Amino acid sequence: MFTVKRTISLLIQCIIFMLMAAAPLYAASGTYQSLIDQGMTLLDDYKFDDAMKVFVKAVELDPKRPEAFYGKGIVFNRTGKPEDALKELDKAAGIDPKFFAAYCEKGISYVKLEKPEEAAASFDKAIGLNPGYYKSHFEKGNLYKKYEKYEKAIESYEKAIELKPDLREAYLLKGESLQKLNNDYDAIQVYDKLVRLDPRDYEAHVLKGIALQNSGKYPESMQSYEKAISLNPTHDKAYFNKANLLKEMDQHEQALKLYDKAIELNKFNLEASTAKGILLAQIGKNQEALKAFDKAISINQYKADAYYNKARVYAKLKKPKEASEYLKTAFEHDKTLLVTAKKDKVFENLRDSKELSSVLGESTNIDKQTEGMESGSSNFILYIVLFILLIGIGVTIYLMVKKQLA
């Protein structure tokens, strides 16, 4: 009896000892996951340095688990270091080849590195491992949109929305892609869905207004812009787009006031400064227009159309020297404006000017080269057609002669 009791006592002691020995492992595991959770929260709060420190601690605690390497990869991607991100994400995928989120994040790295084929392969790998992970479809849509494959982008956004019906960004980008395809009708439907999800989404109201404006539905467009402004009176893009609508409706003074409001709210609103200048020039307020274009150029010195429109104002003022200087600068930033300038009637009255003709002469030379290339291409096609006809005639004659001899 004593032996049995002693044996049971020893067994209980062994079990307690084993549990005590295992306790640190369970504690360590819990600590690891808490570090991962903490790092992800810091990522969501854009505290990238703090997040990296937490993920590094997690790696030190357990280098055989993939989540911390994945977290480090996200930090590197968010801070503009995609090459470093790939190294960490490869480690995560190496530890767990079925870690689909790591492949999705690798795709984002490749997009940043301008490697679309590798990016697409990574997103496809992630989707193959987990077709229900909405982010892979969404990021694949972003890839297609970046490279102007809008039909494919729309398909990916639709799949992402199917998996996550409240994914706001997918609706916005799907709508933009539809507008790139000049499908404003369907874009309006998309923005309507977004507004139903959140009636206070002022950006959705602005985008809907643009689509309605493109469709010629001016009253409805105006309502959308005004709704956006009522929801967010500091949203400069709402005022800017409302100004564009008023300009189309020939309500110029009101449009100018709203361009000023947009610029007041955002002094770096390049489009508003440029549009204001174009409208001022259109209604004959040339000196004010020049100031507006100067403002645009101060925001972005590579803004080609600001230089071009400034040249147009100087041409109207019959100042060929200044016009030619700004035209030349515009051409340096955007060579396609050469052809535009040649067809622009504003410059016709100054073509006899030595300064302007020398600048526009570059356009003539380019046009001649283009015409020569087109002419050469046409001649080449003509030669091929004639060659095929001659062969056909020769074969026909041969068959006729052969038949007669037979």
Protein backbone atom coordinates (compact mmCIF):
# COMPACT_ATOMS: atom_id res chain seq x y z
CA MET A 1 0.00 0.00 0.00
CA PHE A 2 2.84 2.29 0.89
CA THR A 3 4.52 1.47 -2.40
CA VAL A 4 1.40 2.36 -4.38
CA LYS A 5 1.01 5.70 -2.57
CA ARG A 6 4.66 6.54 -3.10
CA THR A 7 4.41 5.66 -6.77
CA ILE A 8 1.35 7.89 -7.22
CA SER A 9 3.11 10.71 -5.37
CA LEU A 10 6.17 10.42 -7.62
CA LEU A 11 3.95 10.46 -10.72
CA ILE A 12 2.17 13.60 -9.52
CA GLN A 13 5.52 15.29 -8.84
CA CYS A 14 6.75 14.34 -12.31
CA ILE A 15 3.61 15.77 -13.93
CA ILE A 16 3.96 19.01 -11.95
CA PHE A 17 7.64 19.23 -12.91
CA MET A 18 6.82 18.70 -16.59
CA LEU A 19 4.11 21.37 -16.51
CA MET A 20 6.48 23.80 -14.80
CA ALA A 21 9.13 23.08 -17.42
CA ALA A 22 6.65 23.61 -20.22
CA ALA A 23 5.22 26.82 -18.74
CA PRO A 24 7.95 29.10 -20.14
CA LEU A 25 7.29 27.68 -23.61
CA TYR A 26 3.60 28.56 -23.39
CA ALA A 27 4.45 31.96 -21.96
CA ALA A 28 6.97 32.56 -24.73
CA SER A 29 4.40 31.58 -27.35
CA GLY A 30 1.88 33.96 -25.86
CA THR A 31 4.47 36.72 -25.72
CA TYR A 32 5.37 36.16 -29.39
CA GLN A 33 1.77 36.53 -30.54
CA SER A 34 1.25 39.57 -28.35
CA LEU A 35 4.31 41.16 -29.97
CA ILE A 36 2.91 40.42 -33.45
CA ASP A 37 -0.44 41.94 -32.47
CA GLN A 38 1.31 44.99 -31.00
CA GLY A 39 3.43 45.44 -34.14
CA MET A 40 0.39 45.27 -36.43
CA THR A 41 -1.42 47.85 -34.30
CA LEU A 42 1.57 50.17 -34.55
CA LEU A 43 1.56 49.67 -38.34
CA ASP A 44 -2.08 50.72 -38.48
CA ASP A 45 -1.12 53.86 -36.52
CA TYR A 46 1.74 54.61 -39.00
CA LYS A 47 4.32 54.20 -36.21
CA PHE A 48 6.75 52.34 -38.42
CA ASP A 49 9.93 52.67 -36.33
CA ASP A 50 8.16 51.38 -33.23
CA ALA A 51 6.57 48.55 -35.21
CA MET A 52 9.97 47.47 -36.55
CA LYS A 53 11.42 47.32 -33.04
CA VAL A 54 8.57 45.09 -31.91
CA PHE A 55 8.94 42.73 -34.88
CA VAL A 56 12.70 42.50 -34.31
CA LYS A 57 12.01 41.44 -30.70
CA ALA A 58 9.57 38.82 -31.96
CA VAL A 59 12.20 37.41 -34.34
CA GLU A 60 14.70 37.19 -31.47
CA LEU A 61 12.11 35.38 -29.38
CA ASP A 62 11.24 32.82 -32.06
CA PRO A 63 13.12 32.99 -35.40
CA LYS A 64 11.34 29.85 -36.65
CA ARG A 65 7.96 31.52 -37.07
CA PRO A 66 7.05 33.60 -40.16
CA GLU A 67 4.79 36.38 -38.82
CA ALA A 68 7.53 38.68 -37.53
CA PHE A 69 9.45 38.54 -40.85
CA TYR A 70 6.18 39.32 -42.61
CA GLY A 71 5.67 42.32 -40.32
CA LYS A 72 9.19 43.57 -41.04
CA GLY A 73 8.44 43.24 -44.76
CA ILE A 74 5.36 45.41 -44.41
CA VAL A 75 7.35 48.09 -42.57
CA PHE A 76 10.00 48.16 -45.30
CA ASN A 77 7.31 48.42 -48.00
CA ARG A 78 5.56 51.26 -46.18
CA THR A 79 8.85 53.16 -45.74
CA GLY A 80 9.94 52.92 -49.38
CA LYS A 81 12.40 50.02 -49.11
CA PRO A 82 10.89 47.28 -51.30
CA GLU A 83 14.21 45.45 -51.83
CA ASP A 84 14.62 45.00 -48.07
CA ALA A 85 10.94 44.04 -47.83
CA LEU A 86 11.46 41.18 -50.30
CA LYS A 87 14.29 39.74 -48.22
CA GLU A 88 12.09 39.59 -45.12
CA LEU A 89 9.07 38.27 -47.02
CA ASP A 90 11.19 35.54 -48.63
CA LYS A 91 12.19 34.45 -45.12
CA ALA A 92 8.54 34.32 -44.09
CA ALA A 93 7.56 32.29 -47.17
CA GLY A 94 10.59 30.04 -46.67
CA ILE A 95 9.45 29.16 -43.17
CA ASP A 96 5.83 28.66 -44.26
CA PRO A 97 5.40 28.15 -48.04
CA LYS A 98 1.62 28.42 -47.59
CA PHE A 99 1.78 31.86 -45.99
CA PHE A 100 -0.42 33.55 -48.64
CA ALA A 101 -0.24 37.04 -47.09
CA ALA A 102 3.55 37.06 -47.55
CA TYR A 103 3.15 36.44 -51.29
CA CYS A 104 0.59 39.24 -51.52
CA GLU A 105 3.00 41.62 -49.81
CA LYS A 106 5.77 40.47 -52.16
CA GLY A 107 3.52 41.52 -55.03
CA ILE A 108 3.30 45.00 -53.52
CA SER A 109 7.11 45.12 -53.34
CA TYR A 110 7.40 44.21 -57.02
CA VAL A 111 4.86 46.88 -57.97
CA LYS A 112 7.02 49.45 -56.19
CA LEU A 113 10.07 48.12 -58.06
CA GLU A 114 8.25 48.50 -61.42
CA LYS A 115 8.31 44.72 -62.01
CA PRO A 116 4.73 43.97 -63.14
CA GLU A 117 5.29 40.35 -64.22
CA GLU A 118 6.80 39.36 -60.87
CA ALA A 119 4.06 41.29 -59.07
CA ALA A 120 1.30 39.49 -60.99
CA ALA A 121 2.94 36.11 -60.29
CA SER A 122 3.09 36.90 -56.56
CA PHE A 123 -0.57 37.97 -56.41
CA ASP A 124 -1.59 34.85 -58.36
CA LYS A 125 0.40 32.69 -55.93
CA ALA A 126 -1.37 34.31 -52.98
CA ILE A 127 -4.77 33.85 -54.64
CA GLY A 128 -3.97 30.22 -55.43
CA LEU A 129 -3.15 29.56 -51.79
CA ASN A 130 -6.20 31.44 -50.50
CA PRO A 131 -8.79 32.63 -53.06
CA GLY A 132 -10.83 34.19 -50.27
CA TYR A 133 -8.16 36.69 -49.23
CA TYR A 134 -9.63 39.96 -50.57
CA LYS A 135 -6.40 41.94 -50.34
CA SER A 136 -4.68 39.86 -53.05
CA HIS A 137 -7.48 40.64 -55.52
CA PHE A 138 -7.49 44.31 -54.53
CA GLU A 139 -3.73 44.72 -54.93
CA LYS A 140 -3.82 42.86 -58.24
CA GLY A 141 -6.44 45.38 -59.36
CA ASN A 142 -4.09 48.20 -58.38
CA LEU A 143 -1.36 46.60 -60.48
CA TYR A 144 -3.61 46.45 -63.56
CA LYS A 145 -4.81 50.02 -63.00
CA LYS A 146 -1.23 51.29 -62.71
CA TYR A 147 -0.45 49.84 -66.15
CA GLU A 148 -3.77 51.05 -67.64
CA LYS A 149 -5.32 47.58 -68.03
CA TYR A 150 -8.61 48.91 -66.77
CA GLU A 151 -10.87 45.99 -67.75
CA LYS A 152 -8.74 43.54 -65.77
CA ALA A 153 -8.47 46.03 -62.90
CA ILE A 154 -12.27 46.21 -62.71
CA GLU A 155 -12.52 42.41 -62.57
CA SER A 156 -10.08 42.27 -59.65
CA TYR A 157 -11.83 45.09 -57.78
CA GLU A 158 -15.19 43.35 -58.25
CA LYS A 159 -13.76 40.14 -56.75
CA ALA A 160 -12.35 42.10 -53.80
CA ILE A 161 -15.75 43.75 -53.24
CA GLU A 162 -17.47 40.37 -53.45
CA LEU A 163 -15.23 39.12 -50.64
CA LYS A 164 -15.38 42.35 -48.64
CA PRO A 165 -18.52 44.36 -49.53
CA ASP A 166 -17.51 47.36 -47.41
CA LEU A 167 -14.10 47.83 -49.06
CA ARG A 168 -14.35 51.54 -49.84
CA GLU A 169 -11.11 51.87 -51.82
CA ALA A 170 -12.16 49.11 -54.20
CA TYR A 171 -15.35 50.99 -55.09
CA LEU A 172 -13.45 54.24 -55.63
CA LEU A 173 -10.80 52.67 -57.84
CA LYS A 174 -13.33 50.62 -59.77
CA GLY A 175 -15.25 53.83 -60.47
CA GLU A 176 -12.09 55.62 -61.61
CA SER A 177 -11.21 52.69 -63.91
CA LEU A 178 -14.67 52.81 -65.46
CA GLN A 179 -14.25 56.53 -66.10
CA LYS A 180 -10.91 55.87 -67.78
CA LEU A 181 -12.88 53.66 -70.15
CA ASN A 182 -15.37 56.51 -70.67
CA ASN A 183 -18.04 54.44 -68.97
CA ASP A 184 -19.47 57.18 -66.79
CA TYR A 185 -22.87 55.49 -66.52
CA ASP A 186 -21.50 52.43 -64.70
CA ALA A 187 -19.14 54.63 -62.69
CA ILE A 188 -22.14 56.56 -61.37
CA GLN A 189 -23.73 53.27 -60.25
CA VAL A 190 -20.54 52.36 -58.37
CA TYR A 191 -20.40 55.71 -56.58
CA ASP A 192 -24.09 55.38 -55.71
CA LYS A 193 -23.34 52.06 -54.00
CA LEU A 194 -20.52 53.71 -52.09
CA VAL A 195 -22.79 56.54 -50.98
CA ARG A 196 -25.33 53.99 -49.79
CA LEU A 197 -22.60 52.36 -47.70
CA ASP A 198 -21.69 55.73 -46.19
CA PRO A 199 -23.91 58.73 -47.04
CA ARG A 200 -21.26 61.03 -45.52
CA ASP A 201 -18.50 59.95 -47.91
CA TYR A 202 -17.79 63.36 -49.47
CA GLU A 203 -15.13 62.02 -51.86
CA ALA A 204 -17.67 59.64 -53.36
CA HIS A 205 -20.03 62.57 -53.93
CA VAL A 206 -17.26 64.50 -55.73
CA LEU A 207 -16.39 61.55 -57.99
CA LYS A 208 -20.07 60.99 -58.72
CA GLY A 209 -20.32 64.68 -59.62
CA ILE A 210 -17.46 64.37 -62.11
CA ALA A 211 -19.08 61.34 -63.78
CA LEU A 212 -22.43 63.14 -63.97
CA GLN A 213 -20.71 66.23 -65.41
CA ASN A 214 -19.00 64.11 -68.07
CA SER A 215 -22.43 62.68 -68.93
CA GLY A 216 -23.83 66.20 -69.43
CA LYS A 217 -26.08 65.96 -66.36
CA TYR A 218 -25.18 69.36 -64.98
CA PRO A 219 -27.96 69.85 -62.37
CA GLU A 220 -27.30 66.42 -60.81
CA SER A 221 -23.56 67.08 -60.94
CA MET A 222 -24.02 70.39 -59.13
CA GLN A 223 -26.05 68.65 -56.43
CA SER A 224 -23.25 66.13 -55.86
CA TYR A 225 -20.59 68.84 -55.49
CA GLU A 226 -22.78 70.86 -53.14
CA LYS A 227 -23.48 67.75 -51.07
CA ALA A 228 -19.74 67.09 -50.78
CA ILE A 229 -19.13 70.69 -49.67
CA SER A 230 -21.90 70.47 -47.07
CA LEU A 231 -20.30 67.30 -45.68
CA ASN A 232 -16.77 68.74 -45.71
CA PRO A 233 -16.50 72.52 -46.23
CA THR A 234 -12.67 72.26 -46.33
CA HIS A 235 -12.42 69.75 -49.20
CA ASP A 236 -10.67 71.79 -51.90
CA LYS A 237 -11.39 69.26 -54.69
CA ALA A 238 -15.14 69.75 -54.26
CA TYR A 239 -14.77 73.50 -54.89
CA PHE A 240 -12.35 72.88 -57.78
CA ASN A 241 -14.69 70.50 -59.60
CA LYS A 242 -17.70 72.71 -58.94
CA ALA A 243 -15.71 75.57 -60.49
CA ASN A 244 -15.01 73.42 -63.56
CA LEU A 245 -18.74 72.80 -63.91
CA LEU A 246 -19.57 76.50 -63.60
CA LYS A 247 -16.94 77.24 -66.24
CA GLU A 248 -18.63 74.79 -68.62
CA MET A 249 -21.92 76.54 -67.87
CA ASP A 250 -20.27 79.91 -68.79
CA GLN A 251 -20.64 81.24 -65.25
CA HIS A 252 -17.11 82.56 -65.24
CA GLU A 253 -17.09 84.93 -62.30
CA GLN A 254 -18.56 82.32 -59.97
CA ALA A 255 -16.10 79.77 -61.27
CA LEU A 256 -13.15 82.10 -60.51
CA LYS A 257 -14.38 82.59 -56.95
CA LEU A 258 -14.47 78.83 -56.42
CA TYR A 259 -11.00 78.34 -57.92
CA ASP A 260 -9.80 80.95 -55.40
CA LYS A 261 -11.58 79.07 -52.62
CA ALA A 262 -9.91 75.81 -53.63
CA ILE A 263 -6.50 77.53 -53.65
CA GLU A 264 -7.23 79.16 -50.29
CA LEU A 265 -7.95 75.73 -48.79
CA ASN A 266 -4.96 74.11 -50.45
CA LYS A 267 -2.20 76.42 -51.67
CA PHE A 268 -0.59 73.45 -53.45
CA ASN A 269 -3.64 72.75 -55.61
CA LEU A 270 -1.81 72.82 -58.92
CA GLU A 271 -4.86 72.07 -61.06
CA ALA A 272 -6.87 74.93 -59.56
CA SER A 273 -4.13 77.49 -60.25
CA THR A 274 -3.73 76.28 -63.85
CA ALA A 275 -7.49 76.16 -64.50
CA LYS A 276 -7.89 79.63 -63.02
CA GLY A 277 -5.20 80.96 -65.36
CA ILE A 278 -6.81 79.38 -68.42
CA LEU A 279 -10.19 80.87 -67.56
CA LEU A 280 -8.70 84.33 -66.89
CA ALA A 281 -6.96 84.23 -70.26
CA GLN A 282 -10.18 83.10 -71.90
CA ILE A 283 -12.08 86.16 -70.62
CA GLY A 284 -9.24 88.54 -71.51
CA LYS A 285 -7.72 89.12 -68.04
CA ASN A 286 -4.23 88.38 -69.30
CA GLN A 287 -2.11 89.89 -66.52
CA GLU A 288 -4.07 88.03 -63.87
CA ALA A 289 -3.76 84.86 -65.94
CA LEU A 290 0.03 85.21 -66.02
CA LYS A 291 0.08 85.45 -62.22
CA ALA A 292 -2.04 82.29 -61.94
CA PHE A 293 0.32 80.38 -64.22
CA ASP A 294 3.30 81.66 -62.21
CA LYS A 295 1.60 80.25 -59.12
CA ALA A 296 1.21 76.87 -60.81
CA ILE A 297 4.86 76.87 -61.90
CA SER A 298 5.97 77.74 -58.35
CA ILE A 299 4.15 74.62 -57.15
CA ASN A 300 5.60 72.40 -59.88
CA GLN A 301 8.34 73.76 -62.11
CA TYR A 302 7.81 70.86 -64.54
CA LYS A 303 4.17 71.75 -65.24
CA ALA A 304 4.36 71.87 -69.05
CA ASP A 305 0.83 73.11 -69.71
CA ALA A 306 1.39 76.08 -67.36
CA TYR A 307 4.35 77.21 -69.49
CA TYR A 308 2.38 76.52 -72.65
CA ASN A 309 -0.63 78.56 -71.57
CA LYS A 310 1.64 81.35 -70.40
CA ALA A 311 3.15 81.39 -73.91
CA ARG A 312 -0.38 81.67 -75.34
CA VAL A 313 -1.07 84.74 -73.21
CA TYR A 314 2.13 86.42 -74.41
CA ALA A 315 1.16 85.56 -77.99
CA LYS A 316 -2.17 87.31 -77.44
CA LEU A 317 -0.25 90.31 -76.09
CA LYS A 318 1.91 90.20 -79.26
CA LYS A 319 5.12 89.54 -77.33
CA PRO A 320 6.88 86.92 -79.49
CA LYS A 321 10.10 86.88 -77.48
CA GLU A 322 8.37 85.93 -74.22
CA ALA A 323 5.98 83.58 -76.04
CA SER A 324 8.86 81.69 -77.66
CA GLU A 325 10.77 81.40 -74.36
CA TYR A 326 7.84 79.80 -72.54
CA LEU A 327 6.95 77.62 -75.52
CA LYS A 328 10.48 76.27 -75.60
CA THR A 329 10.33 75.46 -71.87
CA ALA A 330 6.95 73.76 -72.35
CA PHE A 331 8.40 71.63 -75.17
CA GLU A 332 11.32 70.60 -72.93
CA HIS A 333 8.87 69.13 -70.42
CA ASP A 334 6.36 67.73 -72.92
CA LYS A 335 7.41 67.23 -76.53
CA THR A 336 3.86 66.37 -77.63
CA LEU A 337 2.96 70.06 -77.21
CA LEU A 338 5.03 70.80 -80.35
CA VAL A 339 2.26 69.46 -82.58
CA THR A 340 -0.39 71.21 -80.49
CA ALA A 341 1.40 74.55 -80.85
CA LYS A 342 1.65 74.23 -84.62
CA LYS A 343 -2.14 73.86 -84.86
CA ASP A 344 -2.88 76.55 -82.26
CA LYS A 345 -4.42 79.61 -83.96
CA VAL A 346 -3.16 81.87 -81.17
CA PHE A 347 0.35 81.66 -82.59
CA GLU A 348 -0.63 82.24 -86.25
CA ASN A 349 -0.30 86.02 -86.10
CA LEU A 350 3.28 85.72 -84.81
CA ARG A 351 4.61 83.11 -87.21
CA ASP A 352 6.59 85.78 -89.03
CA SER A 353 8.47 86.46 -85.81
CA LYS A 354 12.04 85.19 -85.93
CA GLU A 355 11.96 84.01 -82.29
CA LEU A 356 8.67 82.15 -82.56
CA SER A 357 9.28 80.65 -85.98
CA SER A 358 12.58 79.19 -84.78
CA VAL A 359 10.82 77.44 -81.90
CA LEU A 360 7.85 76.30 -84.00
CA GLY A 361 10.27 75.23 -86.70
CA GLU A 362 11.22 72.35 -84.41
CA SER A 363 7.58 71.30 -84.60
CA THR A 364 7.68 71.46 -88.41
CA ASN A 365 10.79 69.26 -88.52
CA ILE A 366 9.22 66.70 -86.23
CA ASP A 367 6.04 66.70 -88.29
CA LYS A 368 8.08 66.18 -91.47
CA GLN A 369 9.92 63.28 -89.85
CA THR A 370 6.60 61.79 -88.78
CA GLU A 371 5.13 62.30 -92.24
CA GLY A 372 8.25 60.73 -93.77
CA MET A 373 7.93 57.71 -91.51
CA GLU A 374 4.24 57.36 -92.35
CA SER A 375 5.00 57.75 -96.06
CA GLY A 376 7.78 55.17 -95.87
CA SER A 377 5.48 52.77 -94.04
CA SER A 378 2.77 53.25 -96.69
CA ASN A 379 5.27 52.65 -99.52
CA PHE A 380 6.52 49.48 -97.84
CA ILE A 381 2.99 48.08 -97.60
CA LEU A 382 2.36 49.01 -101.25
CA TYR A 383 5.50 47.13 -102.34
CA ILE A 384 4.38 44.03 -100.45
CA VAL A 385 0.94 44.14 -102.11
CA LEU A 386 2.50 44.53 -105.57
CA PHE A 387 4.92 41.68 -104.87
CA ILE A 388 2.06 39.37 -103.87
CA LEU A 389 0.10 40.36 -107.00
CA LEU A 390 3.09 39.61 -109.24
CA ILE A 391 3.52 36.19 -107.64
CA GLY A 392 -0.18 35.51 -108.16
CA ILE A 393 0.00 36.54 -111.81
CA GLY A 394 3.11 34.40 -112.33
CA VAL A 395 1.51 31.33 -110.78
CA THR A 396 -1.62 31.83 -112.92
CA ILE A 397 0.41 32.09 -116.15
CA TYR A 398 2.44 28.99 -115.19
CA LEU A 399 -0.70 26.93 -114.59
CA MET A 400 -2.22 28.10 -117.88
CA VAL A 401 0.91 27.19 -119.88
CA LYS A 402 1.17 23.85 -118.09
CA LYS A 403 -2.44 23.06 -118.94
CA GLN A 404 -1.94 23.90 -122.64
CA LEU A 405 1.20 21.73 -122.86
CA ALA A 406 -0.67 18.88 -121.25
